[in-house]
C-alpha atoms as a PDB file:
ATOM      1  CA  UNK A   1     -83.709 -51.303   8.056  1.00  0.00           C
ATOM      2  CA  UNK A   2     -87.321 -50.379   8.836  1.00  0.00           C
ATOM      3  CA  UNK A   3     -88.011 -48.355  11.815  1.00  0.00           C
ATOM      4  CA  UNK A   4     -91.094 -49.516  14.000  1.00  0.00           C
ATOM      5  CA  UNK A   5     -94.092 -47.191  13.484  1.00  0.00           C
ATOM      6  CA  UNK A   6     -94.515 -46.681  17.281  1.00  0.00           C
ATOM      7  CA  UNK A   7     -90.914 -45.206  17.472  1.00  0.00           C
ATOM      8  CA  UNK A   8     -90.912 -41.575  16.718  1.00  0.00           C
ATOM      9  CA  UNK A   9     -88.955 -38.521  17.484  1.00  0.00           C
ATOM     10  CA  UNK A  10     -85.519 -40.343  17.753  1.00  0.00           C
ATOM     11  CA  UNK A  11     -82.743 -38.215  16.319  1.00  0.00           C
ATOM     12  CA  UNK A  12     -80.775 -39.344  13.558  1.00  0.00           C
ATOM     13  CA  UNK A  13     -77.090 -40.479  14.697  1.00  0.00           C
ATOM     14  CA  UNK A  14     -74.419 -37.958  13.654  1.00  0.00           C
ATOM     15  CA  UNK A  15     -72.504 -38.563  10.552  1.00  0.00           C
ATOM     16  CA  UNK A  16     -68.978 -39.420  10.920  1.00  0.00           C
ATOM     17  CA  UNK A  17     -66.105 -39.843   8.062  1.00  0.00           C
ATOM     18  CA  UNK A  18     -64.705 -43.283   8.094  1.00  0.00           C
ATOM     19  CA  UNK A  19     -60.955 -43.690   8.664  1.00  0.00           C
ATOM     20  CA  UNK A  20     -60.534 -40.496  10.707  1.00  0.00           C
ATOM     21  CA  UNK A  21     -59.715 -40.640  14.285  1.00  0.00           C
ATOM     22  CA  UNK A  22     -60.809 -38.054  16.918  1.00  0.00           C
ATOM     23  CA  UNK A  23     -57.635 -36.156  16.540  1.00  0.00           C
ATOM     24  CA  UNK A  24     -57.760 -36.373  12.643  1.00  0.00           C
ATOM     25  CA  UNK A  25     -61.168 -35.249  12.318  1.00  0.00           C
ATOM     26  CA  UNK A  26     -61.509 -32.199   9.965  1.00  0.00           C
ATOM     27  CA  UNK A  27     -62.304 -28.736  11.370  1.00  0.00           C
ATOM     28  CA  UNK A  28     -65.134 -26.682  10.448  1.00  0.00           C
ATOM     29  CA  UNK A  29     -65.393 -25.518   6.904  1.00  0.00           C
ATOM     30  CA  UNK A  30     -65.043 -21.943   6.709  1.00  0.00           C
ATOM     31  CA  UNK A  31     -68.081 -20.234   4.810  1.00  0.00           C
ATOM     32  CA  UNK A  32     -67.479 -18.848   1.541  1.00  0.00           C
ATOM     33  CA  UNK A  33     -68.077 -15.179   0.961  1.00  0.00           C
ATOM     34  CA  UNK A  34     -70.480 -13.845  -1.665  1.00  0.00           C
ATOM     35  CA  UNK A  35     -67.865 -12.718  -3.892  1.00  0.00           C
ATOM     36  CA  UNK A  36     -66.448 -16.138  -4.235  1.00  0.00           C
ATOM     37  CA  UNK A  37     -63.142 -15.718  -2.245  1.00  0.00           C
ATOM     38  CA  UNK A  38     -62.135 -17.430   0.824  1.00  0.00           C
ATOM     39  CA  UNK A  39     -60.440 -15.908   3.798  1.00  0.00           C
ATOM     40  CA  UNK A  40     -57.214 -17.186   2.466  1.00  0.00           C
ATOM     41  CA  UNK A  41     -57.696 -15.527  -0.772  1.00  0.00           C
ATOM     42  CA  UNK A  42     -58.649 -12.247   0.798  1.00  0.00           C
ATOM     43  CA  UNK A  43     -55.461 -12.410   3.147  1.00  0.00           C
ATOM     44  CA  UNK A  44     -53.204 -12.834   0.006  1.00  0.00           C
ATOM     45  CA  UNK A  45     -54.368  -9.471  -1.321  1.00  0.00           C
ATOM     46  CA  UNK A  46     -52.648  -6.106  -0.822  1.00  0.00           C
ATOM     47  CA  UNK A  47     -53.439  -4.552   2.496  1.00  0.00           C
ATOM     48  CA  UNK A  48     -55.128  -1.177   2.356  1.00  0.00           C
ATOM     49  CA  UNK A  49     -51.825   0.531   3.839  1.00  0.00           C
ATOM     50  CA  UNK A  50     -49.547  -1.073   1.408  1.00  0.00           C
ATOM     51  CA  UNK A  51     -46.153   0.843   0.847  1.00  0.00           C
ATOM     52  CA  UNK A  52     -46.382   0.342  -2.775  1.00  0.00           C
ATOM     53  CA  UNK A  53     -49.602   2.199  -3.017  1.00  0.00           C
ATOM     54  CA  UNK A  54     -48.105   4.830  -0.917  1.00  0.00           C
ATOM     55  CA  UNK A  55     -45.189   5.796  -3.305  1.00  0.00           C
ATOM     56  CA  UNK A  56     -45.994   8.821  -5.526  1.00  0.00           C
ATOM     57  CA  UNK A  57     -44.785   9.002  -8.995  1.00  0.00           C
ATOM     58  CA  UNK A  58     -41.880  11.478  -9.661  1.00  0.00           C
ATOM     59  CA  UNK A  59     -43.043  14.318 -11.838  1.00  0.00           C
ATOM     60  CA  UNK A  60     -41.356  14.531 -15.217  1.00  0.00           C
ATOM     61  CA  UNK A  61     -40.323  18.122 -14.688  1.00  0.00           C
ATOM     62  CA  UNK A  62     -38.226  17.119 -11.621  1.00  0.00           C
ATOM     63  CA  UNK A  63     -36.442  14.584 -13.541  1.00  0.00           C
ATOM     64  CA  UNK A  64     -35.701  16.953 -16.309  1.00  0.00           C
ATOM     65  CA  UNK A  65     -34.365  19.411 -13.818  1.00  0.00           C
ATOM     66  CA  UNK A  66     -32.003  16.985 -12.027  1.00  0.00           C
ATOM     67  CA  UNK A  67     -30.805  15.827 -15.664  1.00  0.00           C
ATOM     68  CA  UNK A  68     -30.100  19.580 -16.342  1.00  0.00           C
ATOM     69  CA  UNK A  69     -28.164  20.237 -13.241  1.00  0.00           C
ATOM     70  CA  UNK A  70     -25.944  17.026 -13.904  1.00  0.00           C
ATOM     71  CA  UNK A  71     -25.249  18.115 -17.547  1.00  0.00           C
ATOM     72  CA  UNK A  72     -24.477  21.641 -16.499  1.00  0.00           C
ATOM     73  CA  UNK A  73     -22.014  20.464 -13.892  1.00  0.00           C
ATOM     74  CA  UNK A  74     -20.324  18.070 -16.479  1.00  0.00           C
ATOM     75  CA  UNK A  75     -20.099  21.044 -18.904  1.00  0.00           C
ATOM     76  CA  UNK A  76     -18.509  23.155 -16.075  1.00  0.00           C
ATOM     77  CA  UNK A  77     -15.893  20.604 -15.227  1.00  0.00           C
ATOM     78  CA  UNK A  78     -15.138  19.986 -19.013  1.00  0.00           C
ATOM     79  CA  UNK A  79     -14.605  23.850 -19.555  1.00  0.00           C
ATOM     80  CA  UNK A  80     -12.378  24.213 -16.363  1.00  0.00           C
ATOM     81  CA  UNK A  81     -10.228  21.307 -17.632  1.00  0.00           C
ATOM     82  CA  UNK A  82     -10.020  22.883 -21.169  1.00  0.00           C
ATOM     83  CA  UNK A  83      -9.008  26.264 -19.931  1.00  0.00           C
ATOM     84  CA  UNK A  84      -6.353  24.650 -17.820  1.00  0.00           C
ATOM     85  CA  UNK A  85      -5.014  22.770 -20.637  1.00  0.00           C
ATOM     86  CA  UNK A  86      -5.102  25.856 -22.857  1.00  0.00           C
ATOM     87  CA  UNK A  87      -2.986  27.892 -20.287  1.00  0.00           C
ATOM     88  CA  UNK A  88      -0.533  25.149 -19.785  1.00  0.00           C
ATOM     89  CA  UNK A  89      -0.067  24.879 -23.522  1.00  0.00           C
ATOM     90  CA  UNK A  90       0.570  28.559 -23.679  1.00  0.00           C
ATOM     91  CA  UNK A  91       3.020  28.542 -20.757  1.00  0.00           C
ATOM     92  CA  UNK A  92       4.890  25.561 -22.609  1.00  0.00           C
ATOM     93  CA  UNK A  93       4.954  27.409 -25.965  1.00  0.00           C
ATOM     94  CA  UNK A  94       6.457  30.608 -24.323  1.00  0.00           C
ATOM     95  CA  UNK A  95       9.056  28.447 -22.413  1.00  0.00           C
ATOM     96  CA  UNK A  96       9.970  26.790 -25.701  1.00  0.00           C
ATOM     97  CA  UNK A  97      10.094  29.887 -27.535  1.00  0.00           C
ATOM     98  CA  UNK A  98      12.338  31.520 -24.885  1.00  0.00           C
ATOM     99  CA  UNK A  99      14.767  28.382 -24.743  1.00  0.00           C
ATOM    100  CA  UNK A 100      15.112  28.693 -28.672  1.00  0.00           C
ATOM    101  CA  UNK A 101      15.809  32.330 -28.615  1.00  0.00           C
ATOM    102  CA  UNK A 102      18.293  31.910 -25.715  1.00  0.00           C
ATOM    103  CA  UNK A 103      20.048  29.228 -27.546  1.00  0.00           C
ATOM    104  CA  UNK A 104      20.513  31.355 -30.694  1.00  0.00           C
ATOM    105  CA  UNK A 105      21.521  34.505 -28.672  1.00  0.00           C
ATOM    106  CA  UNK A 106      23.988  32.630 -26.663  1.00  0.00           C
ATOM    107  CA  UNK A 107      25.964  31.956 -29.853  1.00  0.00           C
ATOM    108  CA  UNK A 108      26.245  35.648 -30.706  1.00  0.00           C
ATOM    109  CA  UNK A 109      27.715  36.597 -27.251  1.00  0.00           C
ATOM    110  CA  UNK A 110      31.220  36.377 -28.644  1.00  0.00           C
ATOM    111  CA  UNK A 111      30.229  38.783 -31.395  1.00  0.00           C
ATOM    112  CA  UNK A 112      28.846  41.296 -28.831  1.00  0.00           C
ATOM    113  CA  UNK A 113      32.010  41.008 -26.916  1.00  0.00           C
ATOM    114  CA  UNK A 114      34.224  41.848 -29.828  1.00  0.00           C
ATOM    115  CA  UNK A 115      31.857  44.667 -30.622  1.00  0.00           C
ATOM    116  CA  UNK A 116      32.091  46.080 -27.123  1.00  0.00           C
ATOM    117  CA  UNK A 117      36.061  45.726 -27.239  1.00  0.00           C
ATOM    118  CA  UNK A 118      36.102  47.622 -30.523  1.00  0.00           C
ATOM    119  CA  UNK A 119      33.923  50.308 -29.207  1.00  0.00           C
ATOM    120  CA  UNK A 120      36.116  50.951 -26.208  1.00  0.00           C
ATOM    121  CA  UNK A 121      39.064  51.381 -28.568  1.00  0.00           C
ATOM    122  CA  UNK A 122      37.022  53.886 -30.792  1.00  0.00           C
ATOM    123  CA  UNK A 123      37.087  51.445 -33.832  1.00  0.00           C
ATOM    124  CA  UNK A 124      33.385  51.498 -34.323  1.00  0.00           C
ATOM    125  CA  UNK A 125      32.434  54.665 -36.344  1.00  0.00           C
ATOM    126  CA  UNK A 126      30.586  55.831 -39.194  1.00  0.00           C
ATOM    127  CA  UNK A 127      28.596  53.099 -41.004  1.00  0.00           C
ATOM    128  CA  UNK A 128      29.946  50.384 -38.523  1.00  0.00           C
ATOM    129  CA  UNK A 129      28.451  52.460 -35.598  1.00  0.00           C
ATOM    130  CA  UNK A 130      25.040  52.421 -37.149  1.00  0.00           C
ATOM    131  CA  UNK A 131      25.261  48.658 -37.844  1.00  0.00           C
ATOM    132  CA  UNK A 132      26.199  48.062 -34.203  1.00  0.00           C
ATOM    133  CA  UNK A 133      23.345  50.192 -32.908  1.00  0.00           C
ATOM    134  CA  UNK A 134      20.885  48.224 -35.283  1.00  0.00           C
ATOM    135  CA  UNK A 135      22.158  44.861 -34.134  1.00  0.00           C
ATOM    136  CA  UNK A 136      21.644  45.917 -30.424  1.00  0.00           C
ATOM    137  CA  UNK A 137      18.220  47.093 -31.157  1.00  0.00           C
ATOM    138  CA  UNK A 138      17.211  43.829 -32.923  1.00  0.00           C
ATOM    139  CA  UNK A 139      18.550  41.792 -30.030  1.00  0.00           C
ATOM    140  CA  UNK A 140      16.789  43.844 -27.474  1.00  0.00           C
ATOM    141  CA  UNK A 141      13.402  43.201 -29.301  1.00  0.00           C
ATOM    142  CA  UNK A 142      14.247  39.549 -29.267  1.00  0.00           C
ATOM    143  CA  UNK A 143      14.417  39.986 -25.412  1.00  0.00           C
ATOM    144  CA  UNK A 144      18.204  40.176 -24.802  1.00  0.00           C
ATOM    145  CA  UNK A 145      19.045  42.243 -21.558  1.00  0.00           C
ATOM    146  CA  UNK A 146      22.426  43.127 -20.384  1.00  0.00           C
ATOM    147  CA  UNK A 147      23.442  42.319 -16.847  1.00  0.00           C
ATOM    148  CA  UNK A 148      25.894  44.178 -14.731  1.00  0.00           C
ATOM    149  CA  UNK A 149      26.190  47.755 -14.016  1.00  0.00           C
ATOM    150  CA  UNK A 150      29.127  49.604 -12.231  1.00  0.00           C
ATOM    151  CA  UNK A 151      27.895  50.840  -8.876  1.00  0.00           C
ATOM    152  CA  UNK A 152      25.294  48.248  -8.433  1.00  0.00           C
ATOM    153  CA  UNK A 153      25.145  46.089  -5.254  1.00  0.00           C
ATOM    154  CA  UNK A 154      26.881  42.803  -5.730  1.00  0.00           C
ATOM    155  CA  UNK A 155      24.476  39.995  -6.266  1.00  0.00           C
ATOM    156  CA  UNK A 156      26.089  36.409  -6.673  1.00  0.00           C
ATOM    157  CA  UNK A 157      23.037  35.380  -8.555  1.00  0.00           C
ATOM    158  CA  UNK A 158      24.006  37.406 -11.630  1.00  0.00           C
ATOM    159  CA  UNK A 159      27.555  38.732 -10.892  1.00  0.00           C
ATOM    160  CA  UNK A 160      30.757  36.918 -10.776  1.00  0.00           C
ATOM    161  CA  UNK A 161      33.546  38.448  -8.807  1.00  0.00           C
ATOM    162  CA  UNK A 162      36.833  38.542 -10.501  1.00  0.00           C
ATOM    163  CA  UNK A 163      38.548  40.869  -8.102  1.00  0.00           C
ATOM    164  CA  UNK A 164      37.761  42.041  -4.650  1.00  0.00           C
ATOM    165  CA  UNK A 165      38.977  44.995  -2.813  1.00  0.00           C
ATOM    166  CA  UNK A 166      38.045  45.555   1.007  1.00  0.00           C
ATOM    167  CA  UNK A 167      36.951  48.914   1.774  1.00  0.00           C
ATOM    168  CA  UNK A 168      35.290  49.705   5.071  1.00  0.00           C
ATOM    169  CA  UNK A 169      33.949  53.033   3.852  1.00  0.00           C
ATOM    170  CA  UNK A 170      31.315  51.148   1.840  1.00  0.00           C
ATOM    171  CA  UNK A 171      28.359  49.676   3.777  1.00  0.00           C
ATOM    172  CA  UNK A 172      28.094  46.774   1.373  1.00  0.00           C
ATOM    173  CA  UNK A 173      29.885  45.147  -1.450  1.00  0.00           C
ATOM    174  CA  UNK A 174      29.482  46.947  -4.663  1.00  0.00           C
ATOM    175  CA  UNK A 175      30.422  46.445  -8.269  1.00  0.00           C
ATOM    176  CA  UNK A 176      33.068  49.009  -8.957  1.00  0.00           C
ATOM    177  CA  UNK A 177      33.642  47.866 -12.722  1.00  0.00           C
ATOM    178  CA  UNK A 178      32.057  45.616 -15.182  1.00  0.00           C
ATOM    179  CA  UNK A 179      34.916  43.427 -16.833  1.00  0.00           C
ATOM    180  CA  UNK A 180      32.748  41.494 -19.066  1.00  0.00           C
ATOM    181  CA  UNK A 181      28.907  42.162 -19.644  1.00  0.00           C
ATOM    182  CA  UNK A 182      26.392  39.585 -18.687  1.00  0.00           C
ATOM    183  CA  UNK A 183      23.221  38.864 -20.430  1.00  0.00           C
ATOM    184  CA  UNK A 184      19.878  37.413 -19.902  1.00  0.00           C
ATOM    185  CA  UNK A 185      16.643  36.422 -21.811  1.00  0.00           C
ATOM    186  CA  UNK A 186      13.403  36.602 -19.853  1.00  0.00           C
ATOM    187  CA  UNK A 187      14.006  34.286 -16.879  1.00  0.00           C
ATOM    188  CA  UNK A 188      17.100  32.624 -18.491  1.00  0.00           C
ATOM    189  CA  UNK A 189      20.558  33.849 -17.374  1.00  0.00           C
ATOM    190  CA  UNK A 190      22.743  33.402 -20.454  1.00  0.00           C
ATOM    191  CA  UNK A 191      25.957  34.157 -18.501  1.00  0.00           C
ATOM    192  CA  UNK A 192      26.663  36.149 -15.221  1.00  0.00           C
ATOM    193  CA  UNK A 193      28.555  39.535 -15.497  1.00  0.00           C
ATOM    194  CA  UNK A 194      32.170  39.456 -14.543  1.00  0.00           C
ATOM    195  CA  UNK A 195      32.803  42.306 -12.094  1.00  0.00           C
ATOM    196  CA  UNK A 196      35.360  44.058  -9.937  1.00  0.00           C
ATOM    197  CA  UNK A 197      33.980  44.117  -6.158  1.00  0.00           C
ATOM    198  CA  UNK A 198      34.768  46.493  -3.478  1.00  0.00           C
ATOM    199  CA  UNK A 199      33.328  47.052   0.095  1.00  0.00           C
ATOM    200  CA  UNK A 200      32.815  45.226   3.244  1.00  0.00           C
ATOM    201  CA  UNK A 201      34.241  41.772   3.593  1.00  0.00           C
ATOM    202  CA  UNK A 202      31.574  39.075   3.666  1.00  0.00           C
ATOM    203  CA  UNK A 203      30.399  38.069   7.099  1.00  0.00           C
ATOM    204  CA  UNK A 204      31.861  34.872   8.704  1.00  0.00           C
END
């Protein structure tokens, strides 16, 4: 449509998008920056104070020192466990050895009783006496120890009282005579000594 030539200076009508109401009119278009990124694109970037950027890398030396401390602790624990195992095996071997020796020596006790009885009768002389002395020496080397001595305090753990004679002159019960020798090997009592006891009667 042609405008009359005498009409000048009238402003052009504002442009409007068809199909949009007042509430649907688009807002102002944000200007673009010179680097080609919009505000939304700039906001998605990492802020200057991001925590990831503040993390400092762990030096390799610190990691190696931590690994060394951990391996050293593992070796110390392993060594302690091995030492305990070795001590336990050593104790078990000693215990098994003592039990084996005790079983063998307990079978020889009747022989020692017969030898002691023959010695009291004066029948062990000459070559038999040397044999008896060698036998006692070998058994002592294996750990056999006699139990029971005349005049020793009575101990029910190692003594068996066969006879008892009250005697108020004695302050305590004593073994006055060994009727049959007792024996032990290490911590194993093979048999108690049979003794005659005299002294104060037991309390109660």
